[in-house]
Structure formats: structure tokens, C-alpha cells
């Protein structure tokens, strides 16, 4: 939950607490600071809207802080661009502007004033020369909220001691792109006895194939890398179909539902609204993340994870069987993309990069690390489909470099229903040119129908075995009829 609940920080020089508001440009044609400064030049002041998220619940102490704020300025921080501004304050306005006051609001969000939590009347906004890492780190530590009350002179509070979840079994079953709905390729449980039915359920097909490998009792975690549904269909009937199938699968594998890890895909979190312009769409969706609501609700029903928890996070396990630690990083690559023509591209944003950086330094050689997301990190086609546009995450290089800095050796994703394996090598800019690499697996699609498969691809899934020496990866193509599948990759990293 993005809730700044830490004690207020004291500014030793000013004798008070300093407020820092976070912002980002909603779209490439909108420069937030220039838009506000142009109004200051014309009118002498401007209204700055604070888009507090609904998940940010203010404490009584923080409410009092805002009511009694007496400083003559606040800070504005853009973490995407590493810029800090000083904004001179004349008034804090809890009420919405009306009449002539609307002219003090930039045009690009003048129609959305009802979504603003609080207004700040600024008479001057200036860029500061120094971007403090301390402020940036405090936002990262607190889950990237829309505000913090802080100062540069305070150190972080001690981080909580890392608690690892016990895991008896050493294998992870990884599924991708289920696409329940019009693109689903398997039989549903209520269709099993239909006349002429030749398909089996997804649970039956997976269990039969795992039994052929004699590992059906060795799965400790189930990870699904996005696109549970198709085209954002989260109707009650659709949700019941997905939950029924996945809970039957977890029962068949004898794993608790809290051992199911759900990664959001672009069909699960629909970011682009065809009826709105890109600017208005992004402004509205950046305010409250309501476009994530259906997926968050589904995840709570699927595995019990709390609704308001961050969708990018780290999970820590200890596999008792092999006495090995396992660090899993889940990245939400469905963040709003502020560029024209890139609505279907992936982006983990600063929240995703923060999540990777929060990993501790590698504890020992018996620690293995994996990152899961939905969108691509490297190309998977021999020739990209220009008319469909490439599907890489726009911040893929930042993701890969951050992962390598934390000794993550494996990244897995889905998205384009194509299996592929590649390695990304990074050479440190040092006289020694130290070589580091990460294996990237495109996991194909586990249950999409033939019409959504390309290049004669078949449905596939992966099994990861975690041990002290590394990670073994088996990729299997399997059939909807329940006949034995085929191993297409057996690889150690």
C-alpha cells in the first residue's frame, strides 16, 4: 500500500517539516513545469493539483500537518527525469476551483479538476541545480507515493529484517498468456462432456505432462506471467472460469493458493481508452490507477494478496530441500506509457526499477534470483511486424542493467506467444571490462488458441528447478488432447 506512514522528518535548519510532491509528465507533448510557469507569467500565480492516490490514506498527524503548513515553499520532484524544483507557495486550497479560478489551472487537466485531492497556489517554480539522492531514495523506500514529508539531513530508518518464506519443494511451474475467453484453446470443466469434445482441461493436460516427467509432486510455486483474460474481460462469469481452473490446478499440484504468483499482462490491465485523447487518458489514469482495480480484485481472490499492495514487489523464499535461498522479483510492466503510438509497449517505470534496487546485496552463493514480467526485454522475432509495432518494454535496458547489478541471472516473460531464449551481456566500463550476463526466456503461451499462435508455435510451459549451483530450465510443448508433450529446452544457468 502506498501509504507514507513513517514519522514526520524534522528540518533542523528550518525547524519544520518540508513537503515534497511527486509528479510526472502525462504525455510527451506536455511539459508539466512549463505549462504551470506560463500561467504564472500571465496571471502571477498558478494552481498545482495534487493527485493523491486513493490507496494513500493520510494519518491524523499528516492531516494536521497540511492544515498547519506555514513554509513559504514546497519541493516538486520528477523521478523520471531526476529533477527537483522549488515552488513558492502563497496558499493551500482544499476546495475545487470554479469560475475565474479555472484559468489558473493548465488546460490539459482543467476538465479533470474533480479528481484533484488538494490545490497549491504557486507564485514561482524554479529548477534546482542539485537532485538529492536522499529524497529519491525515500520515495523508493516508501513505494513511490505521491508525497513525502522529509529533509536531506535525516537518514533512513533501519530496514526491517528480511523474512524468508519456507518452501519445501524446489520447482517452479511457469505459465504465460492463458487468455481465457475468446482466445482460450483448452476445454473448460463444464464442457468436458459435450458431444464431440476432443480437448481436455488445462489442469488435466498440465498434470498429465508433469506426470510423464515424474515431477507432479515437486512443484512448490506457480507463476503466471500475465494475460489471464482477453481484452480486459473481467466479467463475473469470466473471473469464475479463471479462478476455478487455477484453483483446481493448485489443488492438483498440492500447493496452497498463496503459492500462486500473478504477474499482470496488457490484456489484464487495459491502459488505452480509444474514446479519449492520449493526454486526457493518461491524466485521468495517472491520478488513481483505477484501471488496475479489476486485476487487483482478481489477485485477491486468486491468492489472497491484499488489494492495495504494490504490483511490483519482491518475494523471498528458503527452499529447505536444497538449502538454497530464492529471491523473486515481480514487475508490473503495464504502467502508463507517456509516448504517442506506444500504448501497447511495456513499461515498469520508476516503481519497477525501485523494486529491483530494493533487493539486498546477494547474501551468499546459495541465493538464486529471478525476475518475472509480462512484456519483452529482448526481440523474439527474426523480423519484427512493423504494422503491429515491436513489443519491447520501453525501459528494457534499465530493467536489464538493474537486474544485473543485483546478480539476477534469469528473466522470464510472455506477451507475444513465442518461445525464445537469449542472453544479454553487459560489459562494465572499467579497465578490466568485466562481463556480466542474464538469460532471458520468452515463455510462449500456455493456453492461447491456434489463431493467436504464430510460426507453427505450440502451447508451452516451463519448469524451473532451483539448486545451489544454479537454475535448471525445462521448456515443454504440450497438447490440448492430453497426449505427451515434447521438451524443447533443457538448460542450466
Protein backbone atom coordinates (compact mmCIF):
# COMPACT_ATOMS: atom_id res chain seq x y z
CA UNK A 1 0.00 0.00 0.00
CA UNK A 2 1.41 3.36 -0.99
CA UNK A 3 0.92 4.92 2.41
CA UNK A 4 3.57 7.29 3.83
CA UNK A 5 3.19 6.15 7.41
CA UNK A 6 6.67 6.88 8.73
CA UNK A 7 7.17 9.53 11.42
CA UNK A 8 7.47 13.10 10.19
CA UNK A 9 11.01 14.22 9.42
CA UNK A 10 12.31 17.37 11.16
CA UNK A 11 14.19 20.01 9.19
CA UNK A 12 16.97 21.07 11.56
CA UNK A 13 17.64 24.32 9.74
CA UNK A 14 14.05 25.48 9.29
CA UNK A 15 12.64 23.98 12.48
CA UNK A 16 9.79 22.45 10.47
CA UNK A 17 8.89 19.64 8.09
CA UNK A 18 9.35 20.00 4.33
CA UNK A 19 6.73 18.79 1.85
CA UNK A 20 7.81 17.13 -1.42
CA UNK A 21 5.18 16.42 -4.09
CA UNK A 22 5.96 13.89 -6.83
CA UNK A 23 4.83 14.41 -10.42
CA UNK A 24 5.50 13.17 -13.95
CA UNK A 25 4.63 14.43 -17.41
CA UNK A 26 1.49 12.59 -18.57
CA UNK A 27 2.47 12.62 -22.24
CA UNK A 28 5.39 13.65 -24.43
CA UNK A 29 3.68 16.81 -25.71
CA UNK A 30 3.00 18.07 -22.16
CA UNK A 31 5.74 19.73 -20.13
CA UNK A 32 4.22 19.98 -16.66
CA UNK A 33 6.51 22.71 -15.35
CA UNK A 34 6.36 24.87 -18.49
CA UNK A 35 2.56 24.58 -18.52
CA UNK A 36 2.35 25.92 -14.97
CA UNK A 37 5.05 28.57 -15.41
CA UNK A 38 3.30 30.02 -18.47
CA UNK A 39 0.22 30.68 -16.32
CA UNK A 40 2.39 32.30 -13.63
CA UNK A 41 3.82 34.62 -16.30
CA UNK A 42 0.32 35.63 -17.43
CA UNK A 43 -1.61 35.69 -14.15
CA UNK A 44 1.03 35.93 -11.43
CA UNK A 45 0.14 32.57 -9.88
CA UNK A 46 -0.95 29.05 -10.83
CA UNK A 47 -2.93 26.23 -9.23
CA UNK A 48 -0.97 22.99 -8.88
CA UNK A 49 -3.15 19.92 -8.41
CA UNK A 50 -2.04 17.19 -6.03
CA UNK A 51 -3.26 13.89 -7.49
CA UNK A 52 -3.20 11.83 -4.32
CA UNK A 53 -3.97 8.17 -4.91
CA UNK A 54 -7.00 6.62 -3.26
CA UNK A 55 -4.73 4.00 -1.66
CA UNK A 56 -2.82 6.74 0.19
CA UNK A 57 -4.60 7.16 3.49
CA UNK A 58 -3.47 10.19 5.47
CA UNK A 59 -2.85 9.78 9.18
CA UNK A 60 -4.32 12.28 11.66
CA UNK A 61 -0.84 13.71 12.13
CA UNK A 62 -0.42 14.25 8.40
CA UNK A 63 -3.86 15.90 8.09
CA UNK A 64 -2.87 18.34 10.82
CA UNK A 65 0.45 18.91 9.05
CA UNK A 66 -1.26 20.06 5.86
CA UNK A 67 -3.71 22.30 7.73
CA UNK A 68 -0.86 23.99 9.61
CA UNK A 69 1.75 24.14 6.85
CA UNK A 70 3.45 27.54 7.15
CA UNK A 71 6.56 27.19 4.96
CA UNK A 72 6.83 29.56 2.02
CA UNK A 73 7.66 26.82 -0.46
CA UNK A 74 7.36 23.12 -1.25
CA UNK A 75 9.55 20.87 -3.40
CA UNK A 76 8.34 19.23 -6.62
CA UNK A 77 10.18 16.10 -7.75
CA UNK A 78 10.17 14.37 -11.13
CA UNK A 79 11.80 10.98 -10.52
CA UNK A 80 11.55 10.00 -14.20
CA UNK A 81 13.83 12.89 -15.18
CA UNK A 82 15.79 13.27 -11.90
CA UNK A 83 14.76 16.89 -11.47
CA UNK A 84 13.86 18.82 -8.32
CA UNK A 85 12.01 22.14 -8.26
CA UNK A 86 11.34 24.72 -5.58
CA UNK A 87 7.78 26.07 -5.74
CA UNK A 88 6.96 29.23 -3.81
CA UNK A 89 3.63 28.88 -2.04
CA UNK A 90 1.01 31.52 -1.30
CA UNK A 91 -1.92 29.28 -0.34
CA UNK A 92 -3.08 25.68 0.11
CA UNK A 93 -6.61 25.29 -1.24
CA UNK A 94 -8.66 22.22 -0.21
CA UNK A 95 -11.66 23.26 -2.36
CA UNK A 96 -12.03 22.83 -6.12
CA UNK A 97 -11.52 25.92 -8.31
CA UNK A 98 -14.54 27.41 -10.01
CA UNK A 99 -15.35 30.31 -12.27
CA UNK A 100 -12.38 32.56 -12.97
CA UNK A 101 -10.17 30.33 -10.78
CA UNK A 102 -10.18 27.68 -13.53
CA UNK A 103 -7.97 29.96 -15.63
CA UNK A 104 -5.25 29.30 -13.04
CA UNK A 105 -5.28 25.59 -13.97
CA UNK A 106 -3.32 24.29 -17.02
CA UNK A 107 -5.65 23.38 -19.88
CA UNK A 108 -4.51 19.75 -20.14
CA UNK A 109 -6.20 18.83 -16.85
CA UNK A 110 -8.76 21.61 -16.50
CA UNK A 111 -11.54 19.12 -17.27
CA UNK A 112 -10.34 16.77 -14.51
CA UNK A 113 -10.26 19.14 -11.53
CA UNK A 114 -12.79 16.98 -9.68
CA UNK A 115 -10.13 14.27 -9.37
CA UNK A 116 -7.59 16.53 -7.63
CA UNK A 117 -7.30 15.99 -3.87
CA UNK A 118 -5.78 19.36 -2.92
CA UNK A 119 -4.58 22.53 -4.66
CA UNK A 120 -1.42 24.58 -4.10
CA UNK A 121 -1.25 28.17 -5.30
CA UNK A 122 2.31 28.85 -6.54
CA UNK A 123 3.82 32.21 -7.50
CA UNK A 124 7.14 30.87 -8.76
CA UNK A 125 8.62 27.48 -9.75
CA UNK A 126 12.37 27.18 -10.24
CA UNK A 127 14.64 24.27 -11.12
CA UNK A 128 17.30 23.45 -8.53
CA UNK A 129 20.84 22.58 -9.59
CA UNK A 130 21.14 19.58 -7.28
CA UNK A 131 18.99 16.42 -7.43
CA UNK A 132 19.25 14.85 -3.95
CA UNK A 133 19.63 11.07 -3.89
CA UNK A 134 18.30 11.16 -0.33
CA UNK A 135 14.87 12.38 -1.45
CA UNK A 136 14.81 9.92 -4.33
CA UNK A 137 15.69 7.02 -2.01
CA UNK A 138 12.97 7.96 0.46
CA UNK A 139 10.35 7.83 -2.28
CA UNK A 140 11.72 4.46 -3.41
CA UNK A 141 11.73 3.03 0.12
CA UNK A 142 8.12 4.06 0.66
CA UNK A 143 6.74 2.58 -2.57
CA UNK A 144 6.83 5.78 -4.67
CA UNK A 145 3.93 7.67 -3.06
CA UNK A 146 2.71 10.99 -4.41
CA UNK A 147 4.25 12.89 -1.49
CA UNK A 148 6.65 12.62 1.40
CA UNK A 149 7.45 14.85 4.38
CA UNK A 150 11.21 14.79 4.60
CA UNK A 151 14.53 16.60 4.59
CA UNK A 152 18.05 15.94 3.45
CA UNK A 153 19.56 15.80 6.94
CA UNK A 154 17.80 12.64 8.10
CA UNK A 155 18.98 9.12 7.49
CA UNK A 156 16.67 6.29 6.54
CA UNK A 157 15.12 4.25 9.25
CA UNK A 158 16.61 0.83 9.60
CA UNK A 159 15.07 -1.60 7.16
CA UNK A 160 13.09 -4.47 8.58
CA UNK A 161 14.93 -7.74 8.86
CA UNK A 162 14.40 -9.92 5.80
CA UNK A 163 11.93 -12.72 6.48
CA UNK A 164 12.06 -15.66 4.10
CA UNK A 165 9.07 -17.87 3.44
CA UNK A 166 9.76 -21.59 3.79
CA UNK A 167 9.38 -23.62 0.59
CA UNK A 168 9.57 -27.39 0.77
CA UNK A 169 9.73 -28.13 -2.97
CA UNK A 170 12.40 -26.90 -5.35
CA UNK A 171 10.49 -26.50 -8.64
CA UNK A 172 8.54 -23.56 -10.08
CA UNK A 173 5.86 -24.07 -12.72
CA UNK A 174 5.77 -21.04 -15.04
CA UNK A 175 2.75 -20.39 -17.26
CA UNK A 176 2.23 -17.49 -19.66
CA UNK A 177 -0.62 -15.93 -21.61
CA UNK A 178 -3.62 -18.04 -20.61
CA UNK A 179 -6.11 -15.84 -22.48
CA UNK A 180 -9.35 -17.14 -21.03
CA UNK A 181 -12.25 -16.01 -23.19
CA UNK A 182 -12.46 -15.87 -26.97
CA UNK A 183 -8.76 -16.78 -27.39
CA UNK A 184 -8.68 -19.72 -24.95
CA UNK A 185 -7.59 -23.00 -26.51
CA UNK A 186 -8.45 -25.62 -23.88
CA UNK A 187 -11.69 -27.16 -22.68
CA UNK A 188 -13.46 -25.71 -19.64
CA UNK A 189 -14.62 -28.09 -16.92
CA UNK A 190 -18.29 -27.61 -17.80
CA UNK A 191 -17.53 -28.51 -21.44
CA UNK A 192 -15.88 -31.86 -20.78
CA UNK A 193 -18.89 -33.95 -21.64
CA UNK A 194 -20.06 -32.01 -24.66
CA UNK A 195 -20.68 -34.18 -27.73
CA UNK A 196 -17.55 -34.47 -29.88
CA UNK A 197 -15.26 -32.89 -27.29
CA UNK A 198 -11.64 -33.81 -28.10
CA UNK A 199 -9.86 -31.41 -25.76
CA UNK A 200 -9.01 -31.79 -22.09
CA UNK A 201 -8.86 -29.07 -19.46
CA UNK A 202 -5.68 -27.10 -18.91
CA UNK A 203 -5.27 -28.69 -15.48
CA UNK A 204 -5.57 -32.19 -16.93
CA UNK A 205 -3.12 -31.51 -19.77
CA UNK A 206 -0.52 -29.97 -17.46
CA UNK A 207 -0.87 -32.69 -14.84
CA UNK A 208 -0.58 -35.46 -17.43
CA UNK A 209 2.58 -33.89 -18.84
CA UNK A 210 4.14 -33.33 -15.41
CA UNK A 211 3.33 -36.94 -14.52
CA UNK A 212 5.14 -38.07 -17.67
CA UNK A 213 8.18 -36.23 -16.32
CA UNK A 214 7.50 -37.70 -12.84
CA UNK A 215 7.64 -34.25 -11.20
CA UNK A 216 3.95 -33.60 -10.50
CA UNK A 217 4.64 -33.71 -6.75
CA UNK A 218 7.71 -31.45 -6.85
CA UNK A 219 6.13 -28.09 -7.72
CA UNK A 220 6.47 -25.50 -4.93
CA UNK A 221 5.34 -22.33 -6.72
CA UNK A 222 3.07 -21.48 -9.63
CA UNK A 223 3.99 -18.29 -11.52
CA UNK A 224 1.79 -16.87 -14.30
CA UNK A 225 3.35 -14.08 -16.35
CA UNK A 226 0.23 -12.22 -17.42
CA UNK A 227 -2.75 -12.17 -19.78
CA UNK A 228 -5.07 -14.25 -17.64
CA UNK A 229 -8.04 -12.90 -19.58
CA UNK A 230 -8.60 -11.47 -23.08
CA UNK A 231 -9.18 -7.79 -23.90
CA UNK A 232 -9.82 -6.77 -20.32
CA UNK A 233 -12.83 -9.04 -19.84
CA UNK A 234 -13.22 -9.24 -16.05
CA UNK A 235 -16.92 -10.08 -16.03
CA UNK A 236 -18.07 -12.25 -13.14
CA UNK A 237 -18.51 -15.30 -15.36
CA UNK A 238 -15.04 -14.88 -16.85
CA UNK A 239 -13.43 -14.41 -13.47
CA UNK A 240 -15.11 -17.55 -12.12
CA UNK A 241 -13.78 -19.61 -15.05
CA UNK A 242 -10.22 -18.45 -14.43
CA UNK A 243 -10.35 -18.88 -10.66
CA UNK A 244 -11.94 -22.32 -10.97
CA UNK A 245 -9.26 -23.58 -13.34
CA UNK A 246 -6.29 -22.17 -11.44
CA UNK A 247 -7.55 -23.30 -8.05
CA UNK A 248 -8.13 -26.80 -9.45
CA UNK A 249 -4.58 -26.74 -10.80
CA UNK A 250 -3.09 -25.65 -7.46
CA UNK A 251 -5.10 -28.36 -5.68
CA UNK A 252 -3.89 -30.98 -8.16
CA UNK A 253 -0.29 -29.85 -7.54
CA UNK A 254 -0.90 -29.83 -3.78
CA UNK A 255 0.16 -26.21 -3.32
CA UNK A 256 -1.68 -23.54 -1.33
CA UNK A 257 -3.28 -20.73 -3.31
CA UNK A 258 -0.89 -18.26 -1.67
CA UNK A 259 1.87 -20.01 -3.64
CA UNK A 260 0.31 -18.71 -6.89
CA UNK A 261 2.15 -15.61 -8.15
CA UNK A 262 0.21 -13.41 -10.57
CA UNK A 263 2.01 -11.02 -12.95
CA UNK A 264 -0.21 -8.50 -14.80
CA UNK A 265 -0.40 -8.50 -18.61
CA UNK A 266 -1.65 -5.93 -21.10
CA UNK A 267 -4.93 -7.85 -21.55
CA UNK A 268 -5.43 -7.80 -17.77
CA UNK A 269 -4.73 -4.08 -17.29
CA UNK A 270 -6.09 -2.09 -20.23
CA UNK A 271 -4.32 1.25 -20.33
CA UNK A 272 -5.51 2.84 -23.58
CA UNK A 273 -9.04 4.18 -23.95
CA UNK A 274 -9.93 4.56 -27.62
CA UNK A 275 -12.58 7.20 -26.88
CA UNK A 276 -10.15 9.63 -25.25
CA UNK A 277 -7.10 11.52 -26.43
CA UNK A 278 -3.78 10.25 -25.15
CA UNK A 279 -3.31 13.29 -22.92
CA UNK A 280 -6.73 13.10 -21.24
CA UNK A 281 -6.49 9.31 -20.96
CA UNK A 282 -3.10 9.47 -19.24
CA UNK A 283 -4.04 12.39 -16.98
CA UNK A 284 -7.12 10.56 -15.73
CA UNK A 285 -5.41 7.20 -15.26
CA UNK A 286 -2.30 8.59 -13.60
CA UNK A 287 -4.48 10.07 -10.88
CA UNK A 288 -5.89 6.98 -9.22
CA UNK A 289 -4.73 3.81 -11.06
CA UNK A 290 -8.38 2.73 -11.23
CA UNK A 291 -7.59 0.87 -14.46
CA UNK A 292 -5.78 -1.67 -12.23
CA UNK A 293 -8.81 -2.28 -10.00
CA UNK A 294 -10.19 -5.37 -11.74
CA UNK A 295 -6.82 -7.12 -11.79
CA UNK A 296 -6.13 -6.26 -8.16
CA UNK A 297 -9.52 -7.64 -7.14
CA UNK A 298 -8.88 -10.82 -9.13
CA UNK A 299 -5.49 -11.36 -7.50
CA UNK A 300 -7.02 -11.05 -4.03
CA UNK A 301 -9.47 -13.82 -4.93
CA UNK A 302 -6.76 -15.89 -6.59
CA UNK A 303 -4.09 -15.95 -3.89
CA UNK A 304 -5.21 -13.72 -1.02
CA UNK A 305 -2.76 -10.90 -1.75
CA UNK A 306 -4.08 -7.61 -0.37
CA UNK A 307 -5.84 -5.39 -2.88
CA UNK A 308 -3.74 -2.27 -2.31
CA UNK A 309 -0.29 -3.90 -2.32
CA UNK A 310 2.16 -2.74 -4.99
CA UNK A 311 2.01 -4.78 -8.21
CA UNK A 312 5.81 -4.65 -8.42
CA UNK A 313 7.38 -6.37 -5.42
CA UNK A 314 9.99 -8.84 -4.16
CA UNK A 315 9.29 -12.23 -2.59
CA UNK A 316 11.90 -14.09 -0.57
CA UNK A 317 11.96 -17.86 -0.02
CA UNK A 318 14.17 -20.53 1.51
CA UNK A 319 13.98 -23.92 -0.19
CA UNK A 320 14.50 -26.41 2.58
CA UNK A 321 15.10 -29.38 0.28
CA UNK A 322 18.27 -27.89 -1.24
CA UNK A 323 19.12 -25.36 1.49
CA UNK A 324 19.04 -22.55 -1.07
CA UNK A 325 17.59 -19.04 -0.95
CA UNK A 326 15.31 -17.84 -3.74
CA UNK A 327 14.61 -14.16 -4.44
CA UNK A 328 11.76 -13.49 -6.87
CA UNK A 329 11.10 -10.04 -8.35
CA UNK A 330 7.67 -9.40 -9.85
CA UNK A 331 7.42 -6.40 -12.17
CA UNK A 332 4.24 -4.69 -13.35
CA UNK A 333 5.14 -3.81 -16.94
CA UNK A 334 1.69 -2.28 -17.60
CA UNK A 335 2.45 1.21 -16.33
CA UNK A 336 1.16 4.18 -18.33
CA UNK A 337 3.46 4.84 -21.31
CA UNK A 338 3.69 8.60 -21.95
CA UNK A 339 4.55 8.39 -25.67
CA UNK A 340 2.34 8.55 -28.73
CA UNK A 341 1.89 5.24 -30.56
CA UNK A 342 3.29 3.20 -27.68
CA UNK A 343 0.18 2.35 -25.69
CA UNK A 344 0.87 -1.39 -26.01
CA UNK A 345 4.55 -1.15 -25.19
CA UNK A 346 5.64 -2.28 -21.77
CA UNK A 347 6.95 -0.04 -19.03
CA UNK A 348 7.78 -0.84 -15.40
CA UNK A 349 8.51 2.81 -14.59
CA UNK A 350 10.42 4.01 -11.55
CA UNK A 351 8.38 1.70 -9.31
CA UNK A 352 9.74 -1.35 -11.13
CA UNK A 353 13.34 -0.15 -11.06
CA UNK A 354 12.92 0.72 -7.36
CA UNK A 355 11.75 -2.85 -6.73
CA UNK A 356 14.86 -4.35 -8.26
CA UNK A 357 17.14 -1.96 -6.39
CA UNK A 358 15.48 -2.87 -3.08
CA UNK A 359 17.00 -6.34 -3.29
CA UNK A 360 19.76 -6.72 -0.73
CA UNK A 361 23.25 -7.37 -1.82
CA UNK A 362 23.49 -11.06 -2.66
CA UNK A 363 23.66 -12.84 0.70
CA UNK A 364 25.73 -15.83 -0.38
CA UNK A 365 26.40 -18.21 -3.23
CA UNK A 366 23.33 -20.22 -2.22
CA UNK A 367 21.00 -17.42 -3.33
CA UNK A 368 19.30 -17.58 -6.75
CA UNK A 369 17.40 -14.65 -8.21
CA UNK A 370 14.71 -14.48 -10.92
CA UNK A 371 12.68 -11.60 -12.34
CA UNK A 372 9.23 -12.15 -13.88
CA UNK A 373 7.26 -9.66 -16.01
CA UNK A 374 4.90 -9.74 -18.99
CA UNK A 375 6.41 -7.59 -21.76
CA UNK A 376 9.55 -8.32 -23.76
CA UNK A 377 13.07 -7.43 -22.72
CA UNK A 378 14.70 -8.55 -25.99
CA UNK A 379 13.31 -9.18 -29.51
CA UNK A 380 11.82 -12.63 -30.16
CA UNK A 381 11.01 -12.46 -33.88
CA UNK A 382 13.51 -12.87 -36.71
CA UNK A 383 11.75 -9.92 -38.36
CA UNK A 384 9.52 -7.63 -36.32
CA UNK A 385 5.98 -6.94 -37.53
CA UNK A 386 6.18 -3.26 -38.34
CA UNK A 387 2.43 -2.81 -38.68
CA UNK A 388 1.91 -4.28 -35.19
CA UNK A 389 4.89 -2.42 -33.74
CA UNK A 390 7.62 -4.05 -31.64
CA UNK A 391 6.53 -5.06 -28.16
CA UNK A 392 9.61 -4.39 -26.08
CA UNK A 393 9.37 -2.69 -22.72
CA UNK A 394 10.47 0.86 -23.39
CA UNK A 395 12.67 0.72 -20.29
CA UNK A 396 14.07 -2.75 -21.05
CA UNK A 397 17.71 -1.67 -20.87
CA UNK A 398 17.19 -0.08 -17.45
CA UNK A 399 15.47 -3.28 -16.29
CA UNK A 400 18.29 -5.49 -17.56
CA UNK A 401 21.07 -3.30 -16.16
CA UNK A 402 19.33 -3.01 -12.79
CA UNK A 403 18.80 -6.79 -12.71
CA UNK A 404 22.45 -7.45 -13.47
CA UNK A 405 23.54 -5.03 -10.75
CA UNK A 406 21.65 -7.26 -8.27
CA UNK A 407 23.02 -10.58 -9.61
CA UNK A 408 19.72 -11.66 -11.18
CA UNK A 409 20.61 -14.44 -13.60
CA UNK A 410 17.22 -15.20 -15.18
CA UNK A 411 14.34 -13.10 -16.54
CA UNK A 412 11.11 -14.64 -17.83
CA UNK A 413 8.20 -13.04 -19.69
CA UNK A 414 5.32 -13.83 -22.03
CA UNK A 415 3.33 -11.45 -24.27
CA UNK A 416 3.85 -12.45 -27.94
CA UNK A 417 3.19 -16.21 -27.62
CA UNK A 418 6.61 -17.12 -28.99
CA UNK A 419 9.21 -19.21 -27.16
CA UNK A 420 12.73 -17.80 -27.31
CA UNK A 421 15.89 -17.83 -25.22
CA UNK A 422 18.69 -15.27 -25.39
CA UNK A 423 21.45 -13.86 -23.23
CA UNK A 424 22.08 -10.21 -22.60
CA UNK A 425 25.72 -9.35 -21.90
CA UNK A 426 26.82 -6.18 -20.22
CA UNK A 427 30.45 -5.07 -20.05
CA UNK A 428 31.31 -2.78 -17.15
CA UNK A 429 33.12 0.38 -18.18
CA UNK A 430 36.27 -0.50 -16.29
CA UNK A 431 39.81 -1.26 -17.46
CA UNK A 432 39.07 -4.97 -16.86
CA UNK A 433 35.78 -4.91 -18.87
CA UNK A 434 34.05 -7.35 -16.55
CA UNK A 435 31.42 -9.40 -18.39
CA UNK A 436 28.03 -9.98 -16.74
CA UNK A 437 25.04 -11.67 -18.37
CA UNK A 438 21.41 -12.54 -17.78
CA UNK A 439 19.37 -15.25 -19.52
CA UNK A 440 16.05 -14.05 -20.93
CA UNK A 441 13.28 -16.56 -21.63
CA UNK A 442 10.19 -15.69 -23.69
CA UNK A 443 7.82 -18.33 -22.36
CA UNK A 444 5.40 -18.53 -25.29
CA UNK A 445 1.73 -19.11 -24.48
CA UNK A 446 0.36 -21.86 -22.27
CA UNK A 447 -3.24 -21.95 -23.44
CA UNK A 448 -3.99 -19.50 -26.25
CA UNK A 449 -5.88 -20.92 -29.25
CA UNK A 450 -4.25 -21.65 -32.62
CA UNK A 451 -5.48 -18.38 -34.13
CA UNK A 452 -3.22 -16.47 -31.72
CA UNK A 453 -0.13 -18.66 -32.26
CA UNK A 454 2.41 -17.76 -34.96
CA UNK A 455 5.13 -19.58 -36.88
CA UNK A 456 3.70 -23.04 -36.03
CA UNK A 457 4.29 -22.44 -32.32
CA UNK A 458 2.56 -24.78 -29.86
CA UNK A 459 1.35 -24.15 -26.35
CA UNK A 460 4.18 -24.32 -23.86
CA UNK A 461 5.11 -24.02 -20.20
CA UNK A 462 8.33 -24.06 -18.19
CA UNK A 463 9.63 -25.74 -15.05
CA UNK A 464 12.47 -24.18 -13.09
CA UNK A 465 14.49 -26.24 -10.61
CA UNK A 466 16.37 -24.18 -8.04
CA UNK A 467 19.58 -25.54 -6.52
CA UNK A 468 22.82 -24.29 -5.05
CA UNK A 469 24.63 -24.50 -8.39
CA UNK A 470 22.09 -22.52 -10.36
CA UNK A 471 18.74 -22.88 -12.09
CA UNK A 472 17.67 -25.65 -14.45
CA UNK A 473 15.11 -24.67 -17.09
CA UNK A 474 12.88 -27.15 -18.88
CA UNK A 475 10.50 -25.83 -21.55
CA UNK A 476 7.77 -28.18 -22.73
CA UNK A 477 5.45 -28.01 -25.70
CA UNK A 478 2.26 -29.86 -24.83
CA UNK A 479 -1.08 -30.73 -26.41
CA UNK A 480 -4.71 -29.90 -25.72
CA UNK A 481 -5.68 -33.53 -26.23
CA UNK A 482 -3.67 -34.75 -23.24
CA UNK A 483 -1.10 -36.66 -25.31
CA UNK A 484 2.54 -36.46 -24.13
CA UNK A 485 4.43 -33.26 -24.83
CA UNK A 486 7.96 -32.56 -26.02
CA UNK A 487 10.95 -30.97 -24.30
CA UNK A 488 12.21 -28.08 -26.44
CA UNK A 489 14.78 -26.80 -23.93
CA UNK A 490 16.71 -28.34 -21.04
CA UNK A 491 19.27 -25.81 -19.93
CA UNK A 492 21.27 -24.88 -16.83
CA UNK A 493 22.28 -21.37 -15.87
